[in-house]
Amino acid sequence: MAVVHEENLKFSEVREHLDSLADEVASIASDLWSLVELERQLARAEIAWQLGKRFNQDEALDWGCAVDRAEEDLAAWCAPGATMKK
């Protein structure tokens, strides 16, 4: 991160510096959000594994006594989840 020490900066230079800092903050926030999402998926996978249940990334956890679910073909492929779409 660059530090500006001059007192007589032009407005355009200040604006450029602030834009650069904003880009850095946005990049850090994006990286942090990716880590949070990864941690959420890992937690869901661990819960499913501990309970001996199936876990499909990017799909709802649809098991338990309170869930009504339709019969599914376990041999069929699912559409790509949110992490596979760009």
Protein backbone atom coordinates (compact mmCIF):
# COMPACT_ATOMS: atom_id res chain seq x y z
CA MET A 1 0.00 0.00 0.00
CA ALA A 2 1.49 3.32 -1.05
CA VAL A 3 1.71 6.16 1.46
CA VAL A 4 1.45 9.74 0.25
CA HIS A 5 3.52 12.31 2.20
CA GLU A 6 3.36 15.39 -0.01
CA GLU A 7 1.17 18.24 1.14
CA ASN A 8 0.72 19.95 -2.23
CA LEU A 9 -0.95 17.21 -4.21
CA LYS A 10 -3.28 17.97 -7.05
CA PHE A 11 -6.87 16.86 -6.77
CA SER A 12 -6.39 14.42 -9.67
CA GLU A 13 -3.44 12.81 -7.88
CA VAL A 14 -5.44 12.43 -4.67
CA ARG A 15 -8.35 10.97 -6.63
CA GLU A 16 -5.99 8.53 -8.38
CA HIS A 17 -4.51 7.46 -5.04
CA LEU A 18 -7.97 6.94 -3.50
CA ASP A 19 -9.06 4.90 -6.52
CA SER A 20 -5.98 2.72 -6.11
CA LEU A 21 -6.76 2.18 -2.42
CA ALA A 22 -10.39 1.37 -3.25
CA ASP A 23 -9.23 -1.27 -5.74
CA GLU A 24 -6.99 -2.84 -3.07
CA VAL A 25 -9.83 -2.92 -0.54
CA ALA A 26 -12.18 -4.47 -3.11
CA SER A 27 -9.61 -7.16 -3.91
CA ILE A 28 -9.10 -8.00 -0.23
CA ALA A 29 -12.87 -8.12 0.36
CA SER A 30 -13.31 -10.46 -2.61
CA ASP A 31 -10.58 -12.78 -1.32
CA LEU A 32 -12.12 -12.76 2.16
CA TRP A 33 -15.58 -13.58 0.78
CA SER A 34 -14.10 -16.52 -1.16
CA LEU A 35 -12.57 -17.86 2.05
CA VAL A 36 -15.86 -17.48 3.94
CA GLU A 37 -17.71 -19.37 1.20
CA LEU A 38 -15.08 -22.15 1.21
CA GLU A 39 -15.36 -22.46 5.00
CA ARG A 40 -19.15 -22.70 4.73
CA GLN A 41 -18.92 -25.50 2.16
CA LEU A 42 -16.32 -27.35 4.26
CA ALA A 43 -18.52 -27.10 7.36
CA ARG A 44 -21.50 -28.50 5.45
CA ALA A 45 -19.38 -31.35 4.08
CA GLU A 46 -18.06 -32.17 7.55
CA ILE A 47 -21.56 -32.24 9.07
CA ALA A 48 -22.77 -34.55 6.30
CA TRP A 49 -19.73 -36.81 6.71
CA GLN A 50 -20.18 -37.03 10.50
CA LEU A 51 -23.83 -38.00 10.05
CA GLY A 52 -23.10 -40.45 7.23
CA LYS A 53 -25.14 -38.45 4.74
CA ARG A 54 -24.58 -37.42 1.12
CA PHE A 55 -23.25 -33.94 0.43
CA ASN A 56 -23.49 -32.24 -2.94
CA GLN A 57 -21.66 -28.95 -3.16
CA ASP A 58 -23.89 -25.92 -3.89
CA GLU A 59 -27.09 -27.86 -3.19
CA ALA A 60 -29.34 -27.72 -0.14
CA LEU A 61 -28.83 -30.22 2.65
CA ASP A 62 -32.03 -32.14 1.98
CA TRP A 63 -31.91 -34.83 4.62
CA GLY A 64 -33.46 -35.12 8.04
CA CYS A 65 -36.78 -36.04 9.59
CA ALA A 66 -38.51 -32.76 8.64
CA VAL A 67 -37.65 -32.85 4.93
CA ASP A 68 -40.04 -34.09 2.27
CA ARG A 69 -38.06 -34.85 -0.83
CA ALA A 70 -38.87 -36.35 -4.16
CA GLU A 71 -37.29 -39.58 -5.33
CA GLU A 72 -34.11 -38.88 -7.29
CA ASP A 73 -32.03 -40.82 -9.79
CA LEU A 74 -28.65 -41.12 -8.04
CA ALA A 75 -26.97 -42.17 -11.30
CA ALA A 76 -27.92 -38.91 -13.08
CA TRP A 77 -25.61 -35.88 -13.25
CA CYS A 78 -26.68 -32.58 -11.74
CA ALA A 79 -26.42 -29.23 -13.48
CA PRO A 80 -23.28 -27.23 -12.57
CA GLY A 81 -23.55 -25.45 -9.21
CA ALA A 82 -22.90 -21.78 -8.50
CA THR A 83 -19.14 -22.25 -8.04
CA MET A 84 -18.82 -23.72 -11.51
CA LYS A 85 -20.64 -20.86 -13.24
CA LYS A 86 -18.76 -17.73 -14.24
